[in-house]
Amino acid sequence: MAKVERRFTINAPIEKVFSYITDPANEMEYIPSVIDIRDIAGKGVGQRCSWTYKMVGIPLKGEAEVTEYIPNQQYVKRVRVVL
């Protein structure tokens, strides 16, 4: 299974950054190829949403579910493409 990890420093309180990153409605602002987020339901573990991502001009639709959530520490999503 592939693992994607990226690290960088943001000069802001962790609570503010974590709250922003864990709200799927904000993903279009920081993931350039996401063109739609919809059907957001829940918070924390079990939160779900549907999305559309455009790769080389081709829209891909998918779903995401939060599988691990530790406030201000860890946020893990399982993402799958829906054909």
PDB file of N, CA and C in Angstrom:
ATOM      1  N   MET A   1       0.845  -1.177   0.000  1.00  0.00           N
ATOM      2  CA  MET A   1       0.000   0.000   0.000  1.00  0.00           C
ATOM      3  C   MET A   1       0.888   1.237   0.000  1.00  0.00           C
ATOM      4  N   ALA A   2       0.542   2.198  -0.814  1.00  0.00           N
ATOM      5  CA  ALA A   2       1.312   3.434  -0.911  1.00  0.00           C
ATOM      6  C   ALA A   2       1.057   4.314   0.298  1.00  0.00           C
ATOM      7  N   LYS A   3       2.081   5.045   0.700  1.00  0.00           N
ATOM      8  CA  LYS A   3       1.948   5.999   1.791  1.00  0.00           C
ATOM      9  C   LYS A   3       2.462   7.339   1.286  1.00  0.00           C
ATOM     10  N   VAL A   4       1.668   8.373   1.496  1.00  0.00           N
ATOM     11  CA  VAL A   4       2.061   9.710   1.087  1.00  0.00           C
ATOM     12  C   VAL A   4       2.267  10.531   2.352  1.00  0.00           C
ATOM     13  N   GLU A   5       3.414  11.170   2.447  1.00  0.00           N
ATOM     14  CA  GLU A   5       3.705  11.992   3.615  1.00  0.00           C
ATOM     15  C   GLU A   5       4.423  13.244   3.159  1.00  0.00           C
ATOM     16  N   ARG A   6       4.043  14.370   3.756  1.00  0.00           N
ATOM     17  CA  ARG A   6       4.670  15.638   3.417  1.00  0.00           C
ATOM     18  C   ARG A   6       4.728  16.480   4.677  1.00  0.00           C
ATOM     19  N   ARG A   7       5.846  17.154   4.903  1.00  0.00           N
ATOM     20  CA  ARG A   7       6.001  17.977   6.103  1.00  0.00           C
ATOM     21  C   ARG A   7       6.465  19.378   5.737  1.00  0.00           C
ATOM     22  N   PHE A   8       5.924  20.373   6.451  1.00  0.00           N
ATOM     23  CA  PHE A   8       6.383  21.748   6.322  1.00  0.00           C
ATOM     24  C   PHE A   8       5.944  22.504   7.566  1.00  0.00           C
ATOM     25  N   THR A   9       6.488  23.688   7.776  1.00  0.00           N
ATOM     26  CA  THR A   9       6.211  24.482   8.967  1.00  0.00           C
ATOM     27  C   THR A   9       5.239  25.611   8.637  1.00  0.00           C
ATOM     28  N   ILE A  10       4.230  25.774   9.505  1.00  0.00           N
ATOM     29  CA  ILE A  10       3.249  26.849   9.372  1.00  0.00           C
ATOM     30  C   ILE A  10       3.300  27.660  10.664  1.00  0.00           C
ATOM     31  N   ASN A  11       3.473  28.951  10.551  1.00  0.00           N
ATOM     32  CA  ASN A  11       3.586  29.808  11.721  1.00  0.00           C
ATOM     33  C   ASN A  11       2.195  30.230  12.211  1.00  0.00           C
ATOM     34  N   ALA A  12       1.495  29.292  12.879  1.00  0.00           N
ATOM     35  CA  ALA A  12       0.147  29.539  13.408  1.00  0.00           C
ATOM     36  C   ALA A  12      -0.112  28.524  14.528  1.00  0.00           C
ATOM     37  N   PRO A  13      -1.056  28.813  15.414  1.00  0.00           N
ATOM     38  CA  PRO A  13      -1.370  27.861  16.481  1.00  0.00           C
ATOM     39  C   PRO A  13      -1.850  26.522  15.909  1.00  0.00           C
ATOM     40  N   ILE A  14      -1.404  25.425  16.513  1.00  0.00           N
ATOM     41  CA  ILE A  14      -1.756  24.078  16.030  1.00  0.00           C
ATOM     42  C   ILE A  14      -3.265  23.873  15.969  1.00  0.00           C
ATOM     43  N   GLU A  15      -4.003  24.396  16.923  1.00  0.00           N
ATOM     44  CA  GLU A  15      -5.454  24.213  16.948  1.00  0.00           C
ATOM     45  C   GLU A  15      -6.109  24.814  15.698  1.00  0.00           C
ATOM     46  N   LYS A  16      -5.636  25.977  15.290  1.00  0.00           N
ATOM     47  CA  LYS A  16      -6.200  26.644  14.117  1.00  0.00           C
ATOM     48  C   LYS A  16      -5.861  25.880  12.833  1.00  0.00           C
ATOM     49  N   VAL A  17      -4.617  25.453  12.712  1.00  0.00           N
ATOM     50  CA  VAL A  17      -4.181  24.714  11.522  1.00  0.00           C
ATOM     51  C   VAL A  17      -4.887  23.367  11.443  1.00  0.00           C
ATOM     52  N   PHE A  18      -4.938  22.625  12.541  1.00  0.00           N
ATOM     53  CA  PHE A  18      -5.563  21.303  12.554  1.00  0.00           C
ATOM     54  C   PHE A  18      -7.043  21.402  12.203  1.00  0.00           C
ATOM     55  N   SER A  19      -7.720  22.393  12.754  1.00  0.00           N
ATOM     56  CA  SER A  19      -9.140  22.585  12.455  1.00  0.00           C
ATOM     57  C   SER A  19      -9.359  22.859  10.964  1.00  0.00           C
ATOM     58  N   TYR A  20      -8.492  23.667  10.369  1.00  0.00           N
ATOM     59  CA  TYR A  20      -8.593  24.003   8.951  1.00  0.00           C
ATOM     60  C   TYR A  20      -8.341  22.782   8.066  1.00  0.00           C
ATOM     61  N   ILE A  21      -7.265  22.057   8.347  1.00  0.00           N
ATOM     62  CA  ILE A  21      -6.867  20.899   7.529  1.00  0.00           C
ATOM     63  C   ILE A  21      -7.879  19.762   7.624  1.00  0.00           C
ATOM     64  N   THR A  22      -8.511  19.586   8.773  1.00  0.00           N
ATOM     65  CA  THR A  22      -9.435  18.461   8.944  1.00  0.00           C
ATOM     66  C   THR A  22     -10.861  18.761   8.492  1.00  0.00           C
ATOM     67  N   ASP A  23     -11.082  19.934   7.937  1.00  0.00           N
ATOM     68  CA  ASP A  23     -12.395  20.276   7.373  1.00  0.00           C
ATOM     69  C   ASP A  23     -12.330  20.061   5.860  1.00  0.00           C
ATOM     70  N   PRO A  24     -12.967  19.004   5.342  1.00  0.00           N
ATOM     71  CA  PRO A  24     -12.886  18.717   3.903  1.00  0.00           C
ATOM     72  C   PRO A  24     -13.322  19.876   3.015  1.00  0.00           C
ATOM     73  N   ALA A  25     -14.174  20.747   3.509  1.00  0.00           N
ATOM     74  CA  ALA A  25     -14.636  21.878   2.703  1.00  0.00           C
ATOM     75  C   ALA A  25     -13.482  22.799   2.302  1.00  0.00           C
ATOM     76  N   ASN A  26     -12.360  22.735   3.000  1.00  0.00           N
ATOM     77  CA  ASN A  26     -11.208  23.586   2.696  1.00  0.00           C
ATOM     78  C   ASN A  26     -10.236  22.961   1.697  1.00  0.00           C
ATOM     79  N   GLU A  27     -10.403  21.703   1.342  1.00  0.00           N
ATOM     80  CA  GLU A  27      -9.413  21.007   0.525  1.00  0.00           C
ATOM     81  C   GLU A  27      -9.167  21.644  -0.838  1.00  0.00           C
ATOM     82  N   MET A  28     -10.166  22.255  -1.433  1.00  0.00           N
ATOM     83  CA  MET A  28      -9.963  22.887  -2.746  1.00  0.00           C
ATOM     84  C   MET A  28      -8.981  24.051  -2.661  1.00  0.00           C
ATOM     85  N   GLU A  29      -8.780  24.605  -1.466  1.00  0.00           N
ATOM     86  CA  GLU A  29      -7.854  25.724  -1.293  1.00  0.00           C
ATOM     87  C   GLU A  29      -6.399  25.273  -1.229  1.00  0.00           C
ATOM     88  N   TYR A  30      -6.132  24.059  -0.743  1.00  0.00           N
ATOM     89  CA  TYR A  30      -4.733  23.637  -0.576  1.00  0.00           C
ATOM     90  C   TYR A  30      -4.358  22.369  -1.359  1.00  0.00           C
ATOM     91  N   ILE A  31      -5.304  21.761  -2.050  1.00  0.00           N
ATOM     92  CA  ILE A  31      -4.997  20.644  -2.954  1.00  0.00           C
ATOM     93  C   ILE A  31      -5.406  21.119  -4.349  1.00  0.00           C
ATOM     94  N   PRO A  32      -4.436  21.548  -5.151  1.00  0.00           N
ATOM     95  CA  PRO A  32      -4.741  22.248  -6.400  1.00  0.00           C
ATOM     96  C   PRO A  32      -5.668  21.538  -7.374  1.00  0.00           C
ATOM     97  N   SER A  33      -5.630  20.241  -7.471  1.00  0.00           N
ATOM     98  CA  SER A  33      -6.423  19.540  -8.492  1.00  0.00           C
ATOM     99  C   SER A  33      -7.798  19.093  -8.008  1.00  0.00           C
ATOM    100  N   VAL A  34      -8.152  19.346  -6.752  1.00  0.00           N
ATOM    101  CA  VAL A  34      -9.492  19.021  -6.263  1.00  0.00           C
ATOM    102  C   VAL A  34     -10.442  20.090  -6.805  1.00  0.00           C
ATOM    103  N   ILE A  35     -11.476  19.658  -7.525  1.00  0.00           N
ATOM    104  CA  ILE A  35     -12.406  20.624  -8.117  1.00  0.00           C
ATOM    105  C   ILE A  35     -13.792  20.591  -7.474  1.00  0.00           C
ATOM    106  N   ASP A  36     -14.041  19.594  -6.590  1.00  0.00           N
ATOM    107  CA  ASP A  36     -15.339  19.526  -5.931  1.00  0.00           C
ATOM    108  C   ASP A  36     -15.240  18.654  -4.679  1.00  0.00           C
ATOM    109  N   ILE A  37     -15.846  19.130  -3.600  1.00  0.00           N
ATOM    110  CA  ILE A  37     -15.998  18.365  -2.364  1.00  0.00           C
ATOM    111  C   ILE A  37     -17.476  18.403  -2.029  1.00  0.00           C
ATOM    112  N   ARG A  38     -18.067  17.251  -1.720  1.00  0.00           N
ATOM    113  CA  ARG A  38     -19.497  17.215  -1.442  1.00  0.00           C
ATOM    114  C   ARG A  38     -19.826  16.095  -0.453  1.00  0.00           C
ATOM    115  N   ASP A  39     -21.058  16.086   0.005  1.00  0.00           N
ATOM    116  CA  ASP A  39     -21.579  15.040   0.892  1.00  0.00           C
ATOM    117  C   ASP A  39     -20.716  14.845   2.141  1.00  0.00           C
ATOM    118  N   ILE A  40     -20.289  15.945   2.751  1.00  0.00           N
ATOM    119  CA  ILE A  40     -19.485  15.870   3.973  1.00  0.00           C
ATOM    120  C   ILE A  40     -20.404  15.463   5.121  1.00  0.00           C
ATOM    121  N   ALA A  41     -20.006  14.410   5.839  1.00  0.00           N
ATOM    122  CA  ALA A  41     -20.818  13.924   6.947  1.00  0.00           C
ATOM    123  C   ALA A  41     -19.924  13.492   8.105  1.00  0.00           C
ATOM    124  N   GLY A  42     -20.266  13.952   9.303  1.00  0.00           N
ATOM    125  CA  GLY A  42     -19.554  13.539  10.503  1.00  0.00           C
ATOM    126  C   GLY A  42     -18.320  14.375  10.796  1.00  0.00           C
ATOM    127  N   LYS A  43     -17.678  14.021  11.907  1.00  0.00           N
ATOM    128  CA  LYS A  43     -16.425  14.639  12.336  1.00  0.00           C
ATOM    129  C   LYS A  43     -15.577  13.555  12.991  1.00  0.00           C
ATOM    130  N   GLY A  44     -14.284  13.732  12.941  1.00  0.00           N
ATOM    131  CA  GLY A  44     -13.392  12.753  13.558  1.00  0.00           C
ATOM    132  C   GLY A  44     -13.432  11.427  12.825  1.00  0.00           C
ATOM    133  N   VAL A  45     -13.126  10.332  13.551  1.00  0.00           N
ATOM    134  CA  VAL A  45     -13.136   9.001  12.936  1.00  0.00           C
ATOM    135  C   VAL A  45     -14.519   8.720  12.354  1.00  0.00           C
ATOM    136  N   GLY A  46     -14.547   8.265  11.111  1.00  0.00           N
ATOM    137  CA  GLY A  46     -15.806   7.977  10.437  1.00  0.00           C
ATOM    138  C   GLY A  46     -16.306   9.107   9.551  1.00  0.00           C
ATOM    139  N   GLN A  47     -15.700  10.294   9.649  1.00  0.00           N
ATOM    140  CA  GLN A  47     -16.112  11.388   8.765  1.00  0.00           C
ATOM    141  C   GLN A  47     -15.940  10.939   7.316  1.00  0.00           C
ATOM    142  N   ARG A  48     -16.903  11.282   6.472  1.00  0.00           N
ATOM    143  CA  ARG A  48     -16.867  10.887   5.059  1.00  0.00           C
ATOM    144  C   ARG A  48     -17.143  12.090   4.169  1.00  0.00           C
ATOM    145  N   CYS A  49     -16.638  11.992   2.950  1.00  0.00           N
ATOM    146  CA  CYS A  49     -16.981  12.978   1.934  1.00  0.00           C
ATOM    147  C   CYS A  49     -16.726  12.361   0.562  1.00  0.00           C
ATOM    148  N   SER A  50     -17.290  12.974  -0.436  1.00  0.00           N
ATOM    149  CA  SER A  50     -17.046  12.602  -1.833  1.00  0.00           C
ATOM    150  C   SER A  50     -16.296  13.756  -2.474  1.00  0.00           C
ATOM    151  N   TRP A  51     -15.521  13.476  -3.497  1.00  0.00           N
ATOM    152  CA  TRP A  51     -14.681  14.492  -4.123  1.00  0.00           C
ATOM    153  C   TRP A  51     -14.528  14.228  -5.608  1.00  0.00           C
ATOM    154  N   THR A  52     -14.123  15.257  -6.321  1.00  0.00           N
ATOM    155  CA  THR A  52     -13.730  15.134  -7.725  1.00  0.00           C
ATOM    156  C   THR A  52     -12.353  15.775  -7.851  1.00  0.00           C
ATOM    157  N   TYR A  53     -11.450  15.058  -8.477  1.00  0.00           N
ATOM    158  CA  TYR A  53     -10.055  15.465  -8.653  1.00  0.00           C
ATOM    159  C   TYR A  53      -9.778  15.434 -10.144  1.00  0.00           C
ATOM    160  N   LYS A  54      -9.112  16.429 -10.656  1.00  0.00           N
ATOM    161  CA  LYS A  54      -8.819  16.469 -12.087  1.00  0.00           C
ATOM    162  C   LYS A  54      -7.335  16.158 -12.301  1.00  0.00           C
ATOM    163  N   MET A  55      -7.066  15.066 -13.009  1.00  0.00           N
ATOM    164  CA  MET A  55      -5.694  14.654 -13.286  1.00  0.00           C
ATOM    165  C   MET A  55      -5.499  14.624 -14.797  1.00  0.00           C
ATOM    166  N   VAL A  56      -4.527  15.357 -15.284  1.00  0.00           N
ATOM    167  CA  VAL A  56      -4.248  15.512 -16.719  1.00  0.00           C
ATOM    168  C   VAL A  56      -5.532  15.735 -17.525  1.00  0.00           C
ATOM    169  N   GLY A  57      -6.397  16.583 -16.966  1.00  0.00           N
ATOM    170  CA  GLY A  57      -7.620  16.946 -17.660  1.00  0.00           C
ATOM    171  C   GLY A  57      -8.768  15.964 -17.509  1.00  0.00           C
ATOM    172  N   ILE A  58      -8.534  14.856 -16.823  1.00  0.00           N
ATOM    173  CA  ILE A  58      -9.568  13.831 -16.658  1.00  0.00           C
ATOM    174  C   ILE A  58     -10.117  13.890 -15.237  1.00  0.00           C
ATOM    175  N   PRO A  59     -11.433  14.100 -15.070  1.00  0.00           N
ATOM    176  CA  PRO A  59     -11.998  14.128 -13.725  1.00  0.00           C
ATOM    177  C   PRO A  59     -12.110  12.714 -13.145  1.00  0.00           C
ATOM    178  N   LEU A  60     -11.627  12.564 -11.929  1.00  0.00           N
ATOM    179  CA  LEU A  60     -11.750  11.307 -11.192  1.00  0.00           C
ATOM    180  C   LEU A  60     -12.622  11.570  -9.974  1.00  0.00           C
ATOM    181  N   LYS A  61     -13.586  10.703  -9.739  1.00  0.00           N
ATOM    182  CA  LYS A  61     -14.458  10.848  -8.572  1.00  0.00           C
ATOM    183  C   LYS A  61     -14.042   9.833  -7.520  1.00  0.00           C
ATOM    184  N   GLY A  62     -14.220  10.215  -6.269  1.00  0.00           N
ATOM    185  CA  GLY A  62     -13.834   9.306  -5.206  1.00  0.00           C
ATOM    186  C   GLY A  62     -14.519   9.618  -3.898  1.00  0.00           C
ATOM    187  N   GLU A  63     -14.154   8.816  -2.899  1.00  0.00           N
ATOM    188  CA  GLU A  63     -14.695   8.960  -1.550  1.00  0.00           C
ATOM    189  C   GLU A  63     -13.544   8.886  -0.563  1.00  0.00           C
ATOM    190  N   ALA A  64     -13.728   9.547   0.573  1.00  0.00           N
ATOM    191  CA  ALA A  64     -12.721   9.514   1.627  1.00  0.00           C
ATOM    192  C   ALA A  64     -13.402   9.265   2.963  1.00  0.00           C
ATOM    193  N   GLU A  65     -12.703   8.563   3.853  1.00  0.00           N
ATOM    194  CA  GLU A  65     -13.192   8.310   5.206  1.00  0.00           C
ATOM    195  C   GLU A  65     -12.034   8.478   6.176  1.00  0.00           C
ATOM    196  N   VAL A  66     -12.277   9.211   7.250  1.00  0.00           N
ATOM    197  CA  VAL A  66     -11.255   9.386   8.285  1.00  0.00           C
ATOM    198  C   VAL A  66     -11.168   8.095   9.093  1.00  0.00           C
ATOM    199  N   THR A  67      -9.950   7.531   9.187  1.00  0.00           N
ATOM    200  CA  THR A  67      -9.742   6.270   9.902  1.00  0.00           C
ATOM    201  C   THR A  67      -9.005   6.450  11.227  1.00  0.00           C
ATOM    202  N   GLU A  68      -8.286   7.547  11.364  1.00  0.00           N
ATOM    203  CA  GLU A  68      -7.598   7.863  12.625  1.00  0.00           C
ATOM    204  C   GLU A  68      -7.697   9.354  12.860  1.00  0.00           C
ATOM    205  N   TYR A  69      -7.984   9.732  14.109  1.00  0.00           N
ATOM    206  CA  TYR A  69      -8.134  11.146  14.440  1.00  0.00           C
ATOM    207  C   TYR A  69      -7.742  11.356  15.889  1.00  0.00           C
ATOM    208  N   ILE A  70      -6.655  12.060  16.101  1.00  0.00           N
ATOM    209  CA  ILE A  70      -6.224  12.477  17.433  1.00  0.00           C
ATOM    210  C   ILE A  70      -6.131  13.995  17.369  1.00  0.00           C
ATOM    211  N   PRO A  71      -7.031  14.715  18.060  1.00  0.00           N
ATOM    212  CA  PRO A  71      -7.074  16.174  17.942  1.00  0.00           C
ATOM    213  C   PRO A  71      -5.687  16.818  18.095  1.00  0.00           C
ATOM    214  N   ASN A  72      -5.401  17.691  17.139  1.00  0.00           N
ATOM    215  CA  ASN A  72      -4.157  18.471  17.105  1.00  0.00           C
ATOM    216  C   ASN A  72      -2.895  17.630  16.958  1.00  0.00           C
ATOM    217  N   GLN A  73      -3.048  16.340  16.578  1.00  0.00           N
ATOM    218  CA  GLN A  73      -1.880  15.470  16.429  1.00  0.00           C
ATOM    219  C   GLN A  73      -1.886  14.648  15.149  1.00  0.00           C
ATOM    220  N   GLN A  74      -3.000  13.952  14.886  1.00  0.00           N
ATOM    221  CA  GLN A  74      -2.994  13.005  13.772  1.00  0.00           C
ATOM    222  C   GLN A  74      -4.340  12.962  13.076  1.00  0.00           C
ATOM    223  N   TYR A  75      -4.280  12.882  11.731  1.00  0.00           N
ATOM    224  CA  TYR A  75      -5.482  12.857  10.894  1.00  0.00           C
ATOM    225  C   TYR A  75      -5.161  11.959   9.707  1.00  0.00           C
ATOM    226  N   VAL A  76      -5.823  10.811   9.615  1.00  0.00           N
ATOM    227  CA  VAL A  76      -5.548   9.836   8.558  1.00  0.00           C
ATOM    228  C   VAL A  76      -6.847   9.547   7.826  1.00  0.00           C
ATOM    229  N   LYS A  77      -6.785   9.599   6.476  1.00  0.00           N
ATOM    230  CA  LYS A  77      -7.953   9.295   5.660  1.00  0.00           C
ATOM    231  C   LYS A  77      -7.660   8.132   4.734  1.00  0.00           C
ATOM    232  N   ARG A  78      -8.670   7.297   4.519  1.00  0.00           N
ATOM    233  CA  ARG A  78      -8.601   6.275   3.471  1.00  0.00           C
ATOM    234  C   ARG A  78      -9.364   6.865   2.289  1.00  0.00           C
ATOM    235  N   VAL A  79      -8.710   6.887   1.135  1.00  0.00           N
ATOM    236  CA  VAL A  79      -9.270   7.502  -0.063  1.00  0.00           C
ATOM    237  C   VAL A  79      -9.357   6.447  -1.147  1.00  0.00           C
ATOM    238  N   ARG A  80     -10.490   6.421  -1.861  1.00  0.00           N
ATOM    239  CA  ARG A  80     -10.617   5.479  -2.980  1.00  0.00           C
ATOM    240  C   ARG A  80     -11.296   6.156  -4.147  1.00  0.00           C
ATOM    241  N   VAL A  81     -10.858   5.782  -5.335  1.00  0.00           N
ATOM    242  CA  VAL A  81     -11.460   6.269  -6.569  1.00  0.00           C
ATOM    243  C   VAL A  81     -12.685   5.421  -6.858  1.00  0.00           C
ATOM    244  N   VAL A  82     -13.774   6.064  -7.254  1.00  0.00           N
ATOM    245  CA  VAL A  82     -15.012   5.377  -7.604  1.00  0.00           C
ATOM    246  C   VAL A  82     -15.115   5.371  -9.123  1.00  0.00           C
ATOM    247  N   LEU A  83     -15.178   4.201  -9.703  1.00  0.00           N
ATOM    248  CA  LEU A  83     -15.273   4.103 -11.169  1.00  0.00           C
ATOM    249  C   LEU A  83     -16.714   4.008 -11.625  1.00  0.00           C
TER     250      LEU A  83
END
